[in-house]
Amino acid sequence: FSRYEGAQGPRVDHMAPEVHKRKSGAQDKITNNNKTHTTTKSAGKTPDRRPVHNPRLWYGTGIFLVCFYIFLVCVRSYIRGWYGFFDGIWLCNVAMLVSAYGFFARSNRFVSAGMTATFFPHLLWVIDLSVYCFTGRFPIGTAAYVMWPDIAWSEVISSTHHCWFIPLCFLALRRNGGYHKGAWLIAFLFIFPIVYTSTYIPEYATLDDGARFYMNINMVHGWWKDMTGWPWELFPPGTDPKYVLSLCGFVAFKFAVAYVVLGLLSYLFIRTD
């Protein structure tokens, strides 16, 4: 027995709880500092796979894009026969599947890649159609096909994704990481297989009724026939072998500019977390 034991009973260390409390608080502070340091360290990075905010909108957008792509291909093939399936190879249509994969895989990198590939084509299409509604003429020519006499209204409806695709993706990316910085590379990588595949598709198709229908998928045989004048006349003609190379270079340049513009829009207007 120590001198603290005996009549007074065993010694009780009244300071022990306070010491443990201080130690526990210090450990919690260290843990919180580590978490803050880790968060700060990774704040500049855009994670690819991440927990999904508003999963109904996120996964619902992916399902909707796949369904619309199927609708588009079915409409075109019903009207044009098996040639209509080739419309599914247009870059603007393939981009929907790329972004849909991003939604299902929880990868805003692939969602952003689809947006990068379609930003300028969709922007030109919307401007062209909007000016036509007010002036009666298509200044660019990319949307002029909607007024061709042999285009059905169902085909026009299946082209409306030029208007809503990028705004819908931006809405889904809100609080889901925003536009991904690595989107340009993925968009760039699928330029060449799409362009190479399109070169095997004829410029004109002979339908079952004998009519010739203008296709020119992804404009690999020359600029769209309604796109005339500057700056399209600066490029080699479609019959020149250099045309396809110049087309790929021009598309890569558009992707680079779209990457900057979409990243800036995401930074200014889209809440990432």
Protein backbone atom coordinates (compact mmCIF):
# COMPACT_ATOMS: atom_id res chain seq x y z
CA PHE A 1 0.00 0.00 0.00
CA SER A 2 1.21 3.47 -0.76
CA ARG A 3 0.83 6.34 1.58
CA TYR A 4 -2.26 7.38 -0.36
CA GLU A 5 -3.99 4.14 0.48
CA GLY A 6 -5.29 3.00 3.78
CA ALA A 7 -7.86 5.02 5.56
CA GLN A 8 -8.37 7.25 2.61
CA GLY A 9 -8.80 4.30 0.23
CA PRO A 10 -7.20 3.93 -3.22
CA ARG A 11 -6.03 7.05 -4.96
CA VAL A 12 -8.38 8.38 -7.62
CA ASP A 13 -6.77 10.27 -10.46
CA HIS A 14 -9.27 13.07 -11.07
CA MET A 15 -7.08 14.57 -13.77
CA ALA A 16 -7.15 11.50 -16.00
CA PRO A 17 -10.50 12.25 -17.76
CA GLU A 18 -9.38 15.78 -18.53
CA VAL A 19 -6.07 14.57 -19.90
CA HIS A 20 -7.80 11.97 -22.07
CA LYS A 21 -10.20 14.63 -23.28
CA ARG A 22 -7.34 16.90 -24.28
CA LYS A 23 -5.57 14.03 -26.02
CA SER A 24 -8.74 13.05 -27.85
CA GLY A 25 -9.31 16.64 -28.94
CA ALA A 26 -5.77 16.89 -30.20
CA GLN A 27 -6.14 13.68 -32.19
CA ASP A 28 -9.41 14.91 -33.70
CA LYS A 29 -7.72 18.16 -34.64
CA ILE A 30 -4.87 16.29 -36.35
CA THR A 31 -7.37 14.10 -38.20
CA ASN A 32 -9.38 17.11 -39.33
CA ASN A 33 -6.21 18.88 -40.43
CA ASN A 34 -5.21 15.83 -42.47
CA LYS A 35 -8.64 15.75 -44.11
CA THR A 36 -8.46 19.47 -44.85
CA HIS A 37 -4.98 19.05 -46.27
CA THR A 38 -6.09 16.14 -48.44
CA THR A 39 -9.14 18.06 -49.68
CA THR A 40 -7.07 21.15 -50.41
CA LYS A 41 -4.44 19.09 -52.18
CA SER A 42 -6.99 17.47 -54.49
CA ALA A 43 -9.12 20.59 -54.96
CA GLY A 44 -7.33 21.50 -58.16
CA LYS A 45 -8.02 18.10 -59.69
CA THR A 46 -11.26 17.00 -61.31
CA PRO A 47 -12.00 13.40 -60.29
CA ASP A 48 -13.38 11.16 -62.99
CA ARG A 49 -15.53 8.73 -61.03
CA ARG A 50 -17.32 10.38 -58.14
CA PRO A 51 -20.50 10.00 -56.05
CA VAL A 52 -23.49 11.12 -58.05
CA HIS A 53 -25.56 14.08 -56.91
CA ASN A 54 -29.19 13.83 -58.06
CA PRO A 55 -28.87 10.28 -59.48
CA ARG A 56 -32.30 10.41 -61.12
CA LEU A 57 -31.24 13.25 -63.37
CA TRP A 58 -27.76 11.77 -63.92
CA TYR A 59 -28.75 8.25 -64.93
CA GLY A 60 -32.01 9.42 -66.48
CA THR A 61 -30.05 11.63 -68.86
CA GLY A 62 -27.94 8.67 -69.93
CA ILE A 63 -31.02 6.54 -70.57
CA PHE A 64 -32.67 9.37 -72.49
CA LEU A 65 -29.64 9.85 -74.74
CA VAL A 66 -29.56 6.15 -75.64
CA CYS A 67 -33.30 6.12 -76.32
CA PHE A 68 -33.08 9.22 -78.49
CA TYR A 69 -30.20 7.73 -80.47
CA ILE A 70 -32.24 4.59 -81.10
CA PHE A 71 -35.22 6.75 -82.10
CA LEU A 72 -33.03 8.72 -84.52
CA VAL A 73 -31.62 5.63 -86.22
CA CYS A 74 -35.04 3.95 -86.45
CA VAL A 75 -36.63 7.05 -88.00
CA ARG A 76 -33.88 7.46 -90.58
CA SER A 77 -33.82 3.76 -91.49
CA TYR A 78 -37.61 3.62 -91.75
CA ILE A 79 -37.62 6.49 -94.25
CA ARG A 80 -34.34 5.84 -96.10
CA GLY A 81 -34.06 2.08 -95.80
CA TRP A 82 -30.84 0.53 -94.58
CA TYR A 83 -28.97 3.68 -95.68
CA GLY A 84 -30.61 5.40 -92.74
CA PHE A 85 -28.44 3.43 -90.35
CA PHE A 86 -25.44 5.37 -91.60
CA ASP A 87 -26.86 8.53 -90.03
CA GLY A 88 -25.96 7.00 -86.68
CA ILE A 89 -22.28 7.50 -87.56
CA TRP A 90 -22.54 11.29 -87.69
CA LEU A 91 -20.24 12.77 -85.04
CA CYS A 92 -23.11 14.65 -83.42
CA ASN A 93 -24.99 11.38 -83.01
CA VAL A 94 -22.06 9.26 -81.83
CA ALA A 95 -21.32 11.92 -79.21
CA MET A 96 -24.64 11.10 -77.54
CA LEU A 97 -23.48 7.52 -76.98
CA VAL A 98 -20.11 8.72 -75.69
CA SER A 99 -21.80 10.96 -73.13
CA ALA A 100 -24.34 8.26 -72.30
CA TYR A 101 -21.47 5.94 -71.45
CA GLY A 102 -20.12 8.67 -69.20
CA PHE A 103 -23.42 8.85 -67.33
CA PHE A 104 -23.61 5.10 -66.82
CA ALA A 105 -19.93 4.87 -65.81
CA ARG A 106 -20.14 7.94 -63.54
CA SER A 107 -17.43 9.57 -65.63
CA ASN A 108 -17.84 13.28 -66.26
CA ARG A 109 -14.74 12.96 -68.46
CA PHE A 110 -16.73 11.06 -71.13
CA VAL A 111 -19.80 13.25 -70.66
CA SER A 112 -17.61 16.28 -71.30
CA ALA A 113 -15.96 14.60 -74.30
CA GLY A 114 -19.33 14.31 -76.04
CA MET A 115 -19.96 17.98 -75.35
CA THR A 116 -16.54 18.93 -76.71
CA ALA A 117 -17.16 17.06 -79.95
CA THR A 118 -20.52 18.72 -80.60
CA PHE A 119 -20.19 22.25 -79.24
CA PHE A 120 -19.35 24.03 -82.49
CA PRO A 121 -21.52 21.91 -84.86
CA HIS A 122 -24.49 22.41 -82.55
CA LEU A 123 -23.78 26.11 -82.11
CA LEU A 124 -23.60 26.68 -85.86
CA TRP A 125 -26.75 24.62 -86.37
CA VAL A 126 -28.72 26.66 -83.81
CA ILE A 127 -27.47 29.97 -85.21
CA ASP A 128 -28.27 28.89 -88.76
CA LEU A 129 -31.81 27.81 -87.91
CA SER A 130 -32.48 30.84 -85.70
CA VAL A 131 -31.45 33.28 -88.42
CA TYR A 132 -33.64 31.41 -90.90
CA CYS A 133 -36.67 31.80 -88.63
CA PHE A 134 -36.24 35.59 -88.71
CA THR A 135 -34.86 36.22 -92.19
CA GLY A 136 -35.91 33.23 -94.27
CA ARG A 137 -32.33 32.32 -95.24
CA PHE A 138 -29.62 30.04 -93.85
CA PRO A 139 -26.41 32.09 -93.53
CA ILE A 140 -24.20 29.07 -92.76
CA GLY A 141 -26.00 26.16 -94.39
CA THR A 142 -25.53 23.49 -91.72
CA ALA A 143 -29.25 23.40 -90.86
CA ALA A 144 -30.60 24.01 -94.37
CA TYR A 145 -31.46 20.32 -94.82
CA VAL A 146 -34.45 20.66 -92.47
CA MET A 147 -36.21 22.55 -95.29
CA TRP A 148 -35.35 20.13 -98.08
CA PRO A 149 -38.52 18.91 -99.80
CA ASP A 150 -37.60 15.24 -99.28
CA ILE A 151 -37.02 15.57 -95.51
CA ALA A 152 -39.86 14.32 -93.30
CA TRP A 153 -40.89 16.06 -90.09
CA SER A 154 -39.89 13.02 -88.08
CA GLU A 155 -36.35 13.50 -89.38
CA VAL A 156 -36.44 17.13 -88.29
CA ILE A 157 -37.59 16.07 -84.81
CA SER A 158 -34.76 13.56 -84.63
CA SER A 159 -32.34 16.46 -85.26
CA THR A 160 -33.48 18.55 -82.29
CA HIS A 161 -30.64 17.24 -80.12
CA HIS A 162 -28.55 19.99 -81.74
CA CYS A 163 -30.52 22.37 -79.50
CA TRP A 164 -30.77 20.59 -76.16
CA PHE A 165 -27.85 18.15 -75.92
CA ILE A 166 -25.20 20.45 -74.42
CA PRO A 167 -27.58 22.36 -72.07
CA LEU A 168 -28.92 19.03 -70.78
CA CYS A 169 -25.40 17.71 -70.13
CA PHE A 170 -24.46 20.93 -68.36
CA LEU A 171 -27.53 20.57 -66.16
CA ALA A 172 -26.56 17.02 -65.24
CA LEU A 173 -22.94 18.04 -64.54
CA ARG A 174 -24.09 20.59 -61.97
CA ARG A 175 -22.71 19.51 -58.58
CA ASN A 176 -21.24 16.46 -60.32
CA GLY A 177 -17.77 17.80 -61.03
CA GLY A 178 -18.63 20.12 -63.90
CA TYR A 179 -16.79 20.01 -67.20
CA HIS A 180 -13.77 17.68 -67.06
CA LYS A 181 -10.35 18.97 -68.03
CA GLY A 182 -9.41 15.73 -69.78
CA ALA A 183 -12.32 15.79 -72.23
CA TRP A 184 -10.38 17.15 -75.19
CA LEU A 185 -8.11 14.12 -75.50
CA ILE A 186 -10.98 11.62 -75.58
CA ALA A 187 -12.88 13.72 -78.11
CA PHE A 188 -9.76 13.97 -80.24
CA LEU A 189 -9.14 10.22 -80.18
CA PHE A 190 -12.43 9.26 -81.80
CA ILE A 191 -12.05 11.76 -84.69
CA PHE A 192 -9.97 9.41 -86.80
CA PRO A 193 -12.01 6.18 -86.53
CA ILE A 194 -15.22 8.06 -87.29
CA VAL A 195 -13.73 9.93 -90.25
CA TYR A 196 -12.03 6.77 -91.56
CA THR A 197 -15.29 4.77 -91.33
CA SER A 198 -17.23 7.55 -93.06
CA THR A 199 -14.93 7.45 -96.10
CA TYR A 200 -16.43 4.06 -97.03
CA ILE A 201 -19.96 5.48 -97.12
CA PRO A 202 -20.93 6.97 -100.51
CA GLU A 203 -21.73 10.63 -100.90
CA TYR A 204 -25.07 9.81 -102.54
CA ALA A 205 -27.34 6.85 -101.88
CA THR A 206 -29.79 5.35 -104.34
CA LEU A 207 -33.00 4.60 -102.47
CA ASP A 208 -35.48 1.83 -103.22
CA ASP A 209 -37.64 4.19 -105.29
CA GLY A 210 -34.64 5.09 -107.46
CA ALA A 211 -34.18 8.56 -105.97
CA ARG A 212 -30.68 9.77 -105.13
CA PHE A 213 -30.30 11.03 -101.58
CA TYR A 214 -27.43 13.24 -100.44
CA MET A 215 -25.58 11.71 -97.46
CA ASN A 216 -21.94 12.86 -97.18
CA ILE A 217 -21.62 11.47 -93.65
CA ASN A 218 -19.36 13.66 -91.51
CA MET A 219 -18.62 15.69 -94.65
CA VAL A 220 -15.70 13.45 -95.67
CA HIS A 221 -16.51 13.99 -99.38
CA GLY A 222 -16.45 17.77 -99.11
CA TRP A 223 -18.19 20.45 -97.12
CA TRP A 224 -21.95 20.19 -96.86
CA LYS A 225 -23.48 21.21 -100.18
CA ASP A 226 -25.32 24.13 -98.54
CA MET A 227 -22.11 25.46 -96.97
CA THR A 228 -20.60 27.74 -99.60
CA GLY A 229 -18.35 30.77 -99.67
CA TRP A 230 -15.88 31.84 -97.00
CA PRO A 231 -14.27 30.16 -95.05
CA TRP A 232 -15.19 26.82 -96.61
CA GLU A 233 -13.70 27.78 -99.96
CA LEU A 234 -10.29 28.05 -98.32
CA PHE A 235 -10.09 24.28 -97.91
CA PRO A 236 -9.10 21.83 -100.67
CA PRO A 237 -12.00 20.38 -102.69
CA GLY A 238 -13.51 17.12 -101.51
CA THR A 239 -11.87 15.20 -104.35
CA ASP A 240 -8.40 16.25 -103.18
CA PRO A 241 -6.73 13.64 -100.89
CA LYS A 242 -5.55 16.51 -98.69
CA TYR A 243 -9.14 17.42 -97.87
CA VAL A 244 -9.61 14.68 -95.27
CA LEU A 245 -6.40 15.68 -93.50
CA SER A 246 -7.43 19.32 -93.48
CA LEU A 247 -10.86 18.27 -92.19
CA CYS A 248 -9.30 16.36 -89.28
CA GLY A 249 -7.06 19.32 -88.47
CA PHE A 250 -9.98 21.73 -88.56
CA VAL A 251 -12.04 19.46 -86.30
CA ALA A 252 -9.16 19.15 -83.83
CA PHE A 253 -8.89 22.95 -83.76
CA LYS A 254 -12.64 23.24 -83.08
CA PHE A 255 -12.31 20.74 -80.26
CA ALA A 256 -9.50 22.78 -78.70
CA VAL A 257 -11.53 25.99 -78.82
CA ALA A 258 -14.62 24.18 -77.52
CA TYR A 259 -12.53 22.82 -74.67
CA VAL A 260 -11.59 26.35 -73.60
CA VAL A 261 -15.09 27.77 -74.00
CA LEU A 262 -16.88 24.93 -72.21
CA GLY A 263 -14.33 24.95 -69.40
CA LEU A 264 -14.85 28.69 -68.95
CA LEU A 265 -18.65 28.34 -68.97
CA SER A 266 -18.43 25.56 -66.42
CA TYR A 267 -16.16 27.64 -64.21
CA LEU A 268 -18.44 30.68 -64.35
CA PHE A 269 -21.91 29.15 -64.20
CA ILE A 270 -21.77 25.51 -63.08
CA ARG A 271 -21.52 24.60 -59.43
CA THR A 272 -19.20 21.59 -59.30
CA ASP A 273 -19.74 20.44 -55.67
